[in-house]
Full PDB file with SEQRES, HELIX, SHEET, SSBOND, CRYST1, ORIGX, SCALE, CONECT and MASTER records, all heavy atoms in Angstrom:
SEQRES   1 A   35  ALA ALA THR ASN ALA PRO ILE ARG ARG ALA GLN ILE GLN          
SEQRES   2 A   35  GLY THR ASN LYS GLU LEU PHE VAL ASP ALA LEU SER ASP          
SEQRES   3 A   35  ASP GLU GLY ARG PHE GLN LEU ASN ASP                          
SHEET    1 AA1 2 GLN A  11  THR A  15  0                                        
SHEET    2 AA1 2 PHE A  20  LEU A  24 -1                                        
CRYST1    1.000    1.000    1.000  90.00  90.00  90.00 P 1           1          
ORIGX1      1.000000  0.000000  0.000000        0.00000                         
ORIGX2      0.000000  1.000000  0.000000        0.00000                         
ORIGX3      0.000000  0.000000  1.000000        0.00000                         
SCALE1      1.000000  0.000000  0.000000        0.00000                         
SCALE2      0.000000  1.000000  0.000000        0.00000                         
SCALE3      0.000000  0.000000  1.000000        0.00000                         
ATOM      1  N   ALA A   1     -35.130 202.182 107.907  1.00  0.00           N  
ATOM      2  CA  ALA A   1     -34.500 200.956 107.431  1.00  0.00           C  
ATOM      3  C   ALA A   1     -33.769 200.218 108.541  1.00  0.00           C  
ATOM      4  O   ALA A   1     -33.588 198.996 108.458  1.00  0.00           O  
ATOM      5  CB  ALA A   1     -33.528 201.275 106.299  1.00  0.00           C  
ATOM      6  N   ALA A   2     -33.362 200.912 109.602  1.00  0.00           N  
ATOM      7  CA  ALA A   2     -32.628 200.262 110.690  1.00  0.00           C  
ATOM      8  C   ALA A   2     -33.554 199.686 111.748  1.00  0.00           C  
ATOM      9  O   ALA A   2     -33.275 198.617 112.304  1.00  0.00           O  
ATOM     10  CB  ALA A   2     -31.660 201.257 111.336  1.00  0.00           C  
ATOM     11  N   THR A   3     -34.670 200.358 112.032  1.00  0.00           N  
ATOM     12  CA  THR A   3     -35.546 199.926 113.125  1.00  0.00           C  
ATOM     13  C   THR A   3     -36.891 199.394 112.656  1.00  0.00           C  
ATOM     14  O   THR A   3     -37.646 198.856 113.454  1.00  0.00           O  
ATOM     15  CB  THR A   3     -35.792 201.101 114.078  1.00  0.00           C  
ATOM     16  OG1 THR A   3     -36.534 202.121 113.386  1.00  0.00           O  
ATOM     17  CG2 THR A   3     -34.475 201.679 114.582  1.00  0.00           C  
ATOM     18  N   ASN A   4     -37.217 199.601 111.393  1.00  0.00           N  
ATOM     19  CA  ASN A   4     -38.511 199.227 110.817  1.00  0.00           C  
ATOM     20  C   ASN A   4     -39.674 200.047 111.380  1.00  0.00           C  
ATOM     21  O   ASN A   4     -40.835 199.736 111.146  1.00  0.00           O  
ATOM     22  CB  ASN A   4     -38.803 197.736 111.011  1.00  0.00           C  
ATOM     23  CG  ASN A   4     -39.795 197.203 109.984  1.00  0.00           C  
ATOM     24  OD1 ASN A   4     -39.758 197.598 108.808  1.00  0.00           O  
ATOM     25  ND2 ASN A   4     -40.696 196.329 110.395  1.00  0.00           N  
ATOM     26  N   ALA A   5     -39.372 201.095 112.130  1.00  0.00           N  
ATOM     27  CA  ALA A   5     -40.421 201.956 112.683  1.00  0.00           C  
ATOM     28  C   ALA A   5     -40.991 202.837 111.574  1.00  0.00           C  
ATOM     29  O   ALA A   5     -40.254 203.296 110.687  1.00  0.00           O  
ATOM     30  CB  ALA A   5     -39.852 202.828 113.796  1.00  0.00           C  
ATOM     31  N   PRO A   6     -42.297 203.086 111.578  1.00  0.00           N  
ATOM     32  CA  PRO A   6     -42.883 203.949 110.546  1.00  0.00           C  
ATOM     33  C   PRO A   6     -42.355 205.371 110.655  1.00  0.00           C  
ATOM     34  O   PRO A   6     -42.051 205.856 111.758  1.00  0.00           O  
ATOM     35  CB  PRO A   6     -44.385 203.889 110.849  1.00  0.00           C  
ATOM     36  CG  PRO A   6     -44.482 203.477 112.270  1.00  0.00           C  
ATOM     37  CD  PRO A   6     -43.312 202.593 112.537  1.00  0.00           C  
ATOM     38  N   ILE A   7     -42.236 206.021 109.531  1.00  0.00           N  
ATOM     39  CA  ILE A   7     -41.783 207.413 109.487  1.00  0.00           C  
ATOM     40  C   ILE A   7     -42.968 208.275 109.094  1.00  0.00           C  
ATOM     41  O   ILE A   7     -43.504 208.141 107.994  1.00  0.00           O  
ATOM     42  CB  ILE A   7     -40.631 207.601 108.486  1.00  0.00           C  
ATOM     43  CG1 ILE A   7     -39.416 206.774 108.917  1.00  0.00           C  
ATOM     44  CG2 ILE A   7     -40.257 209.071 108.368  1.00  0.00           C  
ATOM     45  CD1 ILE A   7     -38.259 206.841 107.947  1.00  0.00           C  
ATOM     46  N   ARG A   8     -43.389 209.160 109.984  1.00  0.00           N  
ATOM     47  CA  ARG A   8     -44.525 210.027 109.718  1.00  0.00           C  
ATOM     48  C   ARG A   8     -44.069 211.327 109.088  1.00  0.00           C  
ATOM     49  O   ARG A   8     -42.942 211.770 109.277  1.00  0.00           O  
ATOM     50  CB  ARG A   8     -45.317 210.309 111.005  1.00  0.00           C  
ATOM     51  CG  ARG A   8     -44.537 211.059 112.059  1.00  0.00           C  
ATOM     52  CD  ARG A   8     -45.345 211.235 113.338  1.00  0.00           C  
ATOM     53  NE  ARG A   8     -46.540 211.995 113.112  1.00  0.00           N  
ATOM     54  CZ  ARG A   8     -46.614 213.324 113.232  1.00  0.00           C  
ATOM     55  NH1 ARG A   8     -45.526 214.029 113.559  1.00  0.00           N  
ATOM     56  NH2 ARG A   8     -47.733 213.958 113.015  1.00  0.00           N  
ATOM     57  N   ARG A   9     -44.967 211.907 108.307  1.00  0.00           N  
ATOM     58  CA  ARG A   9     -44.739 213.197 107.652  1.00  0.00           C  
ATOM     59  C   ARG A   9     -43.513 213.196 106.736  1.00  0.00           C  
ATOM     60  O   ARG A   9     -42.830 214.208 106.587  1.00  0.00           O  
ATOM     61  CB  ARG A   9     -44.664 214.332 108.665  1.00  0.00           C  
ATOM     62  CG  ARG A   9     -45.944 214.500 109.469  1.00  0.00           C  
ATOM     63  CD  ARG A   9     -45.943 215.787 110.276  1.00  0.00           C  
ATOM     64  NE  ARG A   9     -45.956 216.970 109.400  1.00  0.00           N  
ATOM     65  CZ  ARG A   9     -47.040 217.459 108.784  1.00  0.00           C  
ATOM     66  NH1 ARG A   9     -48.210 216.860 108.935  1.00  0.00           N  
ATOM     67  NH2 ARG A   9     -46.961 218.532 108.036  1.00  0.00           N  
ATOM     68  N   ALA A  10     -43.223 212.051 106.134  1.00  0.00           N  
ATOM     69  CA  ALA A  10     -42.242 212.031 105.054  1.00  0.00           C  
ATOM     70  C   ALA A  10     -42.887 212.648 103.815  1.00  0.00           C  
ATOM     71  O   ALA A  10     -44.089 212.509 103.591  1.00  0.00           O  
ATOM     72  CB  ALA A  10     -41.795 210.603 104.772  1.00  0.00           C  
ATOM     73  N   GLN A  11     -42.102 213.334 103.031  1.00  0.00           N  
ATOM     74  CA  GLN A  11     -42.607 213.993 101.826  1.00  0.00           C  
ATOM     75  C   GLN A  11     -42.455 213.063 100.631  1.00  0.00           C  
ATOM     76  O   GLN A  11     -41.344 212.632 100.320  1.00  0.00           O  
ATOM     77  CB  GLN A  11     -41.862 215.306 101.587  1.00  0.00           C  
ATOM     78  CG  GLN A  11     -42.050 216.318 102.705  1.00  0.00           C  
ATOM     79  CD  GLN A  11     -41.247 217.578 102.468  1.00  0.00           C  
ATOM     80  OE1 GLN A  11     -40.215 217.552 101.795  1.00  0.00           O  
ATOM     81  NE2 GLN A  11     -41.707 218.692 103.007  1.00  0.00           N  
ATOM     82  N   ILE A  12     -43.559 212.783  99.985  1.00  0.00           N  
ATOM     83  CA  ILE A  12     -43.564 211.905  98.806  1.00  0.00           C  
ATOM     84  C   ILE A  12     -43.973 212.743  97.598  1.00  0.00           C  
ATOM     85  O   ILE A  12     -45.011 213.411  97.621  1.00  0.00           O  
ATOM     86  CB  ILE A  12     -44.521 210.708  98.983  1.00  0.00           C  
ATOM     87  CG1 ILE A  12     -44.060 209.823 100.142  1.00  0.00           C  
ATOM     88  CG2 ILE A  12     -44.576 209.880  97.706  1.00  0.00           C  
ATOM     89  CD1 ILE A  12     -44.686 210.147 101.451  1.00  0.00           C  
ATOM     90  N   GLN A  13     -43.159 212.717  96.566  1.00  0.00           N  
ATOM     91  CA  GLN A  13     -43.461 213.489  95.362  1.00  0.00           C  
ATOM     92  C   GLN A  13     -43.341 212.605  94.132  1.00  0.00           C  
ATOM     93  O   GLN A  13     -42.323 211.931  93.937  1.00  0.00           O  
ATOM     94  CB  GLN A  13     -42.521 214.685  95.219  1.00  0.00           C  
ATOM     95  CG  GLN A  13     -42.879 215.591  94.039  1.00  0.00           C  
ATOM     96  CD  GLN A  13     -41.926 216.754  93.896  1.00  0.00           C  
ATOM     97  OE1 GLN A  13     -40.810 216.577  93.429  1.00  0.00           O  
ATOM     98  NE2 GLN A  13     -42.363 217.941  94.292  1.00  0.00           N  
ATOM     99  N   GLY A  14     -44.400 212.591  93.328  1.00  0.00           N  
ATOM    100  CA  GLY A  14     -44.397 211.844  92.079  1.00  0.00           C  
ATOM    101  C   GLY A  14     -44.444 212.790  90.897  1.00  0.00           C  
ATOM    102  O   GLY A  14     -45.099 213.836  90.946  1.00  0.00           O  
ATOM    103  N   THR A  15     -43.732 212.443  89.828  1.00  0.00           N  
ATOM    104  CA  THR A  15     -43.750 213.270  88.631  1.00  0.00           C  
ATOM    105  C   THR A  15     -43.697 212.390  87.392  1.00  0.00           C  
ATOM    106  O   THR A  15     -43.052 211.339  87.384  1.00  0.00           O  
ATOM    107  CB  THR A  15     -42.567 214.262  88.603  1.00  0.00           C  
ATOM    108  OG1 THR A  15     -42.610 215.015  87.381  1.00  0.00           O  
ATOM    109  CG2 THR A  15     -41.235 213.527  88.686  1.00  0.00           C  
ATOM    110  N   ASN A  16     -44.405 212.834  86.357  1.00  0.00           N  
ATOM    111  CA  ASN A  16     -44.333 212.187  85.045  1.00  0.00           C  
ATOM    112  C   ASN A  16     -43.781 213.160  84.009  1.00  0.00           C  
ATOM    113  O   ASN A  16     -44.065 213.059  82.825  1.00  0.00           O  
ATOM    114  CB  ASN A  16     -45.705 211.676  84.604  1.00  0.00           C  
ATOM    115  CG  ASN A  16     -46.705 212.793  84.389  1.00  0.00           C  
ATOM    116  OD1 ASN A  16     -46.445 213.958  84.716  1.00  0.00           O  
ATOM    117  ND2 ASN A  16     -47.865 212.462  83.836  1.00  0.00           N  
ATOM    118  N   LYS A  17     -42.990 214.151  84.467  1.00  0.00           N  
ATOM    119  CA  LYS A  17     -42.353 215.204  83.668  1.00  0.00           C  
ATOM    120  C   LYS A  17     -43.336 216.278  83.223  1.00  0.00           C  
ATOM    121  O   LYS A  17     -42.931 217.279  82.647  1.00  0.00           O  
ATOM    122  CB  LYS A  17     -41.619 214.628  82.450  1.00  0.00           C  
ATOM    123  CG  LYS A  17     -40.472 213.695  82.821  1.00  0.00           C  
ATOM    124  CD  LYS A  17     -39.720 213.238  81.581  1.00  0.00           C  
ATOM    125  CE  LYS A  17     -38.560 212.331  81.963  1.00  0.00           C  
ATOM    126  NZ  LYS A  17     -37.799 211.879  80.777  1.00  0.00           N  
ATOM    127  N   GLU A  18     -44.623 216.098  83.479  1.00  0.00           N  
ATOM    128  CA  GLU A  18     -45.617 217.124  83.185  1.00  0.00           C  
ATOM    129  C   GLU A  18     -46.328 217.580  84.445  1.00  0.00           C  
ATOM    130  O   GLU A  18     -46.681 218.746  84.580  1.00  0.00           O  
ATOM    131  CB  GLU A  18     -46.642 216.611  82.170  1.00  0.00           C  
ATOM    132  CG  GLU A  18     -46.074 216.327  80.786  1.00  0.00           C  
ATOM    133  CD  GLU A  18     -47.161 215.870  79.823  1.00  0.00           C  
ATOM    134  OE1 GLU A  18     -48.324 215.731  80.245  1.00  0.00           O  
ATOM    135  OE2 GLU A  18     -46.830 215.641  78.643  1.00  0.00           O  
ATOM    136  N   LEU A  19     -46.539 216.663  85.360  1.00  0.00           N  
ATOM    137  CA  LEU A  19     -47.263 216.950  86.592  1.00  0.00           C  
ATOM    138  C   LEU A  19     -46.428 216.572  87.799  1.00  0.00           C  
ATOM    139  O   LEU A  19     -45.611 215.650  87.734  1.00  0.00           O  
ATOM    140  CB  LEU A  19     -48.579 216.171  86.637  1.00  0.00           C  
ATOM    141  CG  LEU A  19     -49.710 216.612  85.711  1.00  0.00           C  
ATOM    142  CD1 LEU A  19     -50.837 215.594  85.770  1.00  0.00           C  
ATOM    143  CD2 LEU A  19     -50.224 217.986  86.102  1.00  0.00           C  
ATOM    144  N   PHE A  20     -46.642 217.312  88.897  1.00  0.00           N  
ATOM    145  CA  PHE A  20     -46.063 216.966  90.178  1.00  0.00           C  
ATOM    146  C   PHE A  20     -47.205 216.689  91.147  1.00  0.00           C  
ATOM    147  O   PHE A  20     -48.095 217.515  91.318  1.00  0.00           O  
ATOM    148  CB  PHE A  20     -45.186 218.098  90.710  1.00  0.00           C  
ATOM    149  CG  PHE A  20     -43.876 218.251  89.973  1.00  0.00           C  
ATOM    150  CD1 PHE A  20     -43.769 219.118  88.903  1.00  0.00           C  
ATOM    151  CD2 PHE A  20     -42.768 217.521  90.356  1.00  0.00           C  
ATOM    152  CE1 PHE A  20     -42.576 219.267  88.223  1.00  0.00           C  
ATOM    153  CE2 PHE A  20     -41.565 217.653  89.680  1.00  0.00           C  
ATOM    154  CZ  PHE A  20     -41.469 218.526  88.621  1.00  0.00           C  
ATOM    155  N   VAL A  21     -47.169 215.525  91.767  1.00  0.00           N  
ATOM    156  CA  VAL A  21     -48.187 215.127  92.731  1.00  0.00           C  
ATOM    157  C   VAL A  21     -47.465 214.821  94.035  1.00  0.00           C  
ATOM    158  O   VAL A  21     -46.470 214.087  94.032  1.00  0.00           O  
ATOM    159  CB  VAL A  21     -48.963 213.886  92.244  1.00  0.00           C  
ATOM    160  CG1 VAL A  21     -50.045 213.499  93.232  1.00  0.00           C  
ATOM    161  CG2 VAL A  21     -49.555 214.129  90.861  1.00  0.00           C  
ATOM    162  N   ASP A  22     -47.939 215.386  95.148  1.00  0.00           N  
ATOM    163  CA  ASP A  22     -47.233 215.140  96.399  1.00  0.00           C  
ATOM    164  C   ASP A  22     -48.188 214.711  97.503  1.00  0.00           C  
ATOM    165  O   ASP A  22     -49.402 214.870  97.404  1.00  0.00           O  
ATOM    166  CB  ASP A  22     -46.432 216.369  96.842  1.00  0.00           C  
ATOM    167  CG  ASP A  22     -47.266 217.627  96.888  1.00  0.00           C  
ATOM    168  OD1 ASP A  22     -48.503 217.528  96.847  1.00  0.00           O  
ATOM    169  OD2 ASP A  22     -46.690 218.723  96.968  1.00  0.00           O  
ATOM    170  N   ALA A  23     -47.610 214.142  98.557  1.00  0.00           N  
ATOM    171  CA  ALA A  23     -48.375 213.661  99.700  1.00  0.00           C  
ATOM    172  C   ALA A  23     -47.438 213.572 100.896  1.00  0.00           C  
ATOM    173  O   ALA A  23     -46.208 213.646 100.756  1.00  0.00           O  
ATOM    174  CB  ALA A  23     -48.996 212.297  99.401  1.00  0.00           C  
ATOM    175  N   LEU A  24     -48.030 213.419 102.087  1.00  0.00           N  
ATOM    176  CA  LEU A  24     -47.285 213.194 103.314  1.00  0.00           C  
ATOM    177  C   LEU A  24     -47.677 211.839 103.884  1.00  0.00           C  
ATOM    178  O   LEU A  24     -48.849 211.453 103.827  1.00  0.00           O  
ATOM    179  CB  LEU A  24     -47.581 214.291 104.347  1.00  0.00           C  
ATOM    180  CG  LEU A  24     -47.055 215.696 104.063  1.00  0.00           C  
ATOM    181  CD1 LEU A  24     -47.546 216.663 105.127  1.00  0.00           C  
ATOM    182  CD2 LEU A  24     -45.527 215.708 104.003  1.00  0.00           C  
ATOM    183  N   SER A  25     -46.716 211.148 104.457  1.00  0.00           N  
ATOM    184  CA  SER A  25     -47.035 209.871 105.097  1.00  0.00           C  
ATOM    185  C   SER A  25     -47.749 210.134 106.419  1.00  0.00           C  
ATOM    186  O   SER A  25     -47.515 211.146 107.091  1.00  0.00           O  
ATOM    187  CB  SER A  25     -45.760 209.056 105.328  1.00  0.00           C  
ATOM    188  OG  SER A  25     -44.845 209.769 106.138  1.00  0.00           O  
ATOM    189  N   ASP A  26     -48.638 209.220 106.804  1.00  0.00           N  
ATOM    190  CA  ASP A  26     -49.398 209.400 108.039  1.00  0.00           C  
ATOM    191  C   ASP A  26     -48.627 208.835 109.229  1.00  0.00           C  
ATOM    192  O   ASP A  26     -47.431 208.506 109.126  1.00  0.00           O  
ATOM    193  CB  ASP A  26     -50.789 208.760 107.901  1.00  0.00           C  
ATOM    194  CG  ASP A  26     -50.723 207.253 107.661  1.00  0.00           C  
ATOM    195  OD1 ASP A  26     -49.668 206.643 107.904  1.00  0.00           O  
ATOM    196  OD2 ASP A  26     -51.744 206.673 107.229  1.00  0.00           O  
ATOM    197  N   ASP A  27     -49.296 208.712 110.369  1.00  0.00           N  
ATOM    198  CA  ASP A  27     -48.635 208.245 111.589  1.00  0.00           C  
ATOM    199  C   ASP A  27     -48.110 206.819 111.465  1.00  0.00           C  
ATOM    200  O   ASP A  27     -47.197 206.426 112.196  1.00  0.00           O  
ATOM    201  CB  ASP A  27     -49.592 208.332 112.781  1.00  0.00           C  
ATOM    202  CG  ASP A  27     -49.890 209.771 113.170  1.00  0.00           C  
ATOM    203  OD1 ASP A  27     -49.124 210.668 112.740  1.00  0.00           O  
ATOM    204  OD2 ASP A  27     -50.873 210.009 113.885  1.00  0.00           O  
ATOM    205  N   GLU A  28     -48.669 206.036 110.566  1.00  0.00           N  
ATOM    206  CA  GLU A  28     -48.209 204.671 110.339  1.00  0.00           C  
ATOM    207  C   GLU A  28     -47.234 204.583 109.170  1.00  0.00           C  
ATOM    208  O   GLU A  28     -46.855 203.492 108.742  1.00  0.00           O  
ATOM    209  CB  GLU A  28     -49.398 203.751 110.090  1.00  0.00           C  
ATOM    210  CG  GLU A  28     -50.342 203.645 111.294  1.00  0.00           C  
ATOM    211  CD  GLU A  28     -51.516 202.720 111.017  1.00  0.00           C  
ATOM    212  OE1 GLU A  28     -51.684 202.319 109.837  1.00  0.00           O  
ATOM    213  OE2 GLU A  28     -52.242 202.397 111.963  1.00  0.00           O  
ATOM    214  N   GLY A  29     -46.845 205.747 108.640  1.00  0.00           N  
ATOM    215  CA  GLY A  29     -45.908 205.785 107.526  1.00  0.00           C  
ATOM    216  C   GLY A  29     -46.524 205.529 106.168  1.00  0.00           C  
ATOM    217  O   GLY A  29     -45.822 205.447 105.172  1.00  0.00           O  
ATOM    218  N   ARG A  30     -47.844 205.437 106.099  1.00  0.00           N  
ATOM    219  CA  ARG A  30     -48.504 205.098 104.840  1.00  0.00           C  
ATOM    220  C   ARG A  30     -48.784 206.357 104.010  1.00  0.00           C  
ATOM    221  O   ARG A  30     -49.037 207.425 104.563  1.00  0.00           O  
ATOM    222  CB  ARG A  30     -49.795 204.328 105.107  1.00  0.00           C  
ATOM    223  CG  ARG A  30     -49.561 203.052 105.907  1.00  0.00           C  
ATOM    224  CD  ARG A  30     -50.790 202.161 105.934  1.00  0.00           C  
ATOM    225  NE  ARG A  30     -50.540 200.954 106.731  1.00  0.00           N  
ATOM    226  CZ  ARG A  30     -49.865 199.909 106.303  1.00  0.00           C  
ATOM    227  NH1 ARG A  30     -49.404 199.888 105.060  1.00  0.00           N  
ATOM    228  NH2 ARG A  30     -49.669 198.857 107.095  1.00  0.00           N  
ATOM    229  N   PHE A  31     -48.751 206.191 102.698  1.00  0.00           N  
ATOM    230  CA  PHE A  31     -49.012 207.301 101.785  1.00  0.00           C  
ATOM    231  C   PHE A  31     -49.797 206.797 100.582  1.00  0.00           C  
ATOM    232  O   PHE A  31     -49.821 205.598 100.290  1.00  0.00           O  
ATOM    233  CB  PHE A  31     -47.705 207.956 101.319  1.00  0.00           C  
ATOM    234  CG  PHE A  31     -46.875 207.077 100.419  1.00  0.00           C  
ATOM    235  CD1 PHE A  31     -47.047 207.097  99.037  1.00  0.00           C  
ATOM    236  CD2 PHE A  31     -45.919 206.226 100.944  1.00  0.00           C  
ATOM    237  CE1 PHE A  31     -46.289 206.284  98.203  1.00  0.00           C  
ATOM    238  CE2 PHE A  31     -45.156 205.411 100.122  1.00  0.00           C  
ATOM    239  CZ  PHE A  31     -45.337 205.443  98.754  1.00  0.00           C  
ATOM    240  N   GLN A  32     -50.428 207.749  99.872  1.00  0.00           N  
ATOM    241  CA  GLN A  32     -51.160 207.446  98.649  1.00  0.00           C  
ATOM    242  C   GLN A  32     -50.975 208.577  97.653  1.00  0.00           C  
ATOM    243  O   GLN A  32     -51.122 209.751  98.008  1.00  0.00           O  
ATOM    244  CB  GLN A  32     -52.659 207.285  98.929  1.00  0.00           C  
ATOM    245  CG  GLN A  32     -53.021 206.096  99.796  1.00  0.00           C  
ATOM    246  CD  GLN A  32     -54.527 205.898  99.899  1.00  0.00           C  
ATOM    247  OE1 GLN A  32     -55.265 206.324  99.017  1.00  0.00           O  
ATOM    248  NE2 GLN A  32     -54.975 205.248 100.957  1.00  0.00           N  
ATOM    249  N   LEU A  33     -50.646 208.224  96.437  1.00  0.00           N  
ATOM    250  CA  LEU A  33     -50.663 209.149  95.300  1.00  0.00           C  
ATOM    251  C   LEU A  33     -51.765 208.657  94.373  1.00  0.00           C  
ATOM    252  O   LEU A  33     -51.601 207.653  93.678  1.00  0.00           O  
ATOM    253  CB  LEU A  33     -49.311 209.170  94.584  1.00  0.00           C  
ATOM    254  CG  LEU A  33     -48.100 209.634  95.400  1.00  0.00           C  
ATOM    255  CD1 LEU A  33     -46.822 209.523  94.574  1.00  0.00           C  
ATOM    256  CD2 LEU A  33     -48.284 211.060  95.897  1.00  0.00           C  
ATOM    257  N   ASN A  34     -52.882 209.352  94.373  1.00  0.00           N  
ATOM    258  CA  ASN A  34     -54.074 208.900  93.645  1.00  0.00           C  
ATOM    259  C   ASN A  34     -54.300 209.704  92.372  1.00  0.00           C  
ATOM    260  O   ASN A  34     -53.664 210.742  92.139  1.00  0.00           O  
ATOM    261  CB  ASN A  34     -55.311 208.997  94.544  1.00  0.00           C  
ATOM    262  CG  ASN A  34     -55.228 208.056  95.732  1.00  0.00           C  
ATOM    263  OD1 ASN A  34     -54.837 206.904  95.602  1.00  0.00           O  
ATOM    264  ND2 ASN A  34     -55.595 208.556  96.911  1.00  0.00           N  
ATOM    265  N   ASP A  35     -55.231 209.223  91.566  1.00  0.00           N  
ATOM    266  CA  ASP A  35     -55.672 209.904  90.339  1.00  0.00           C  
ATOM    267  C   ASP A  35     -54.510 210.155  89.382  1.00  0.00           C  
ATOM    268  O   ASP A  35     -54.393 211.229  88.788  1.00  0.00           O  
ATOM    269  CB  ASP A  35     -56.372 211.232  90.677  1.00  0.00           C  
ATOM    270  CG  ASP A  35     -57.547 211.038  91.602  1.00  0.00           C  
ATOM    271  OD1 ASP A  35     -58.235 210.005  91.484  1.00  0.00           O  
ATOM    272  OD2 ASP A  35     -57.793 211.915  92.454  1.00  0.00           O  
TER     273      ASP A  35                                                      
MASTER        0    0    0    0    2    0    0    6  272    1    0    3          
END                                                                             
């Protein structure tokens, strides 16, 4: 948030109270939670 530089390998976790879906951000800071 201070430098606007991408953050790699951040842990992203999504939940709908029944399932947990996780991913890691890539070198450009991008992530996808699919399906």
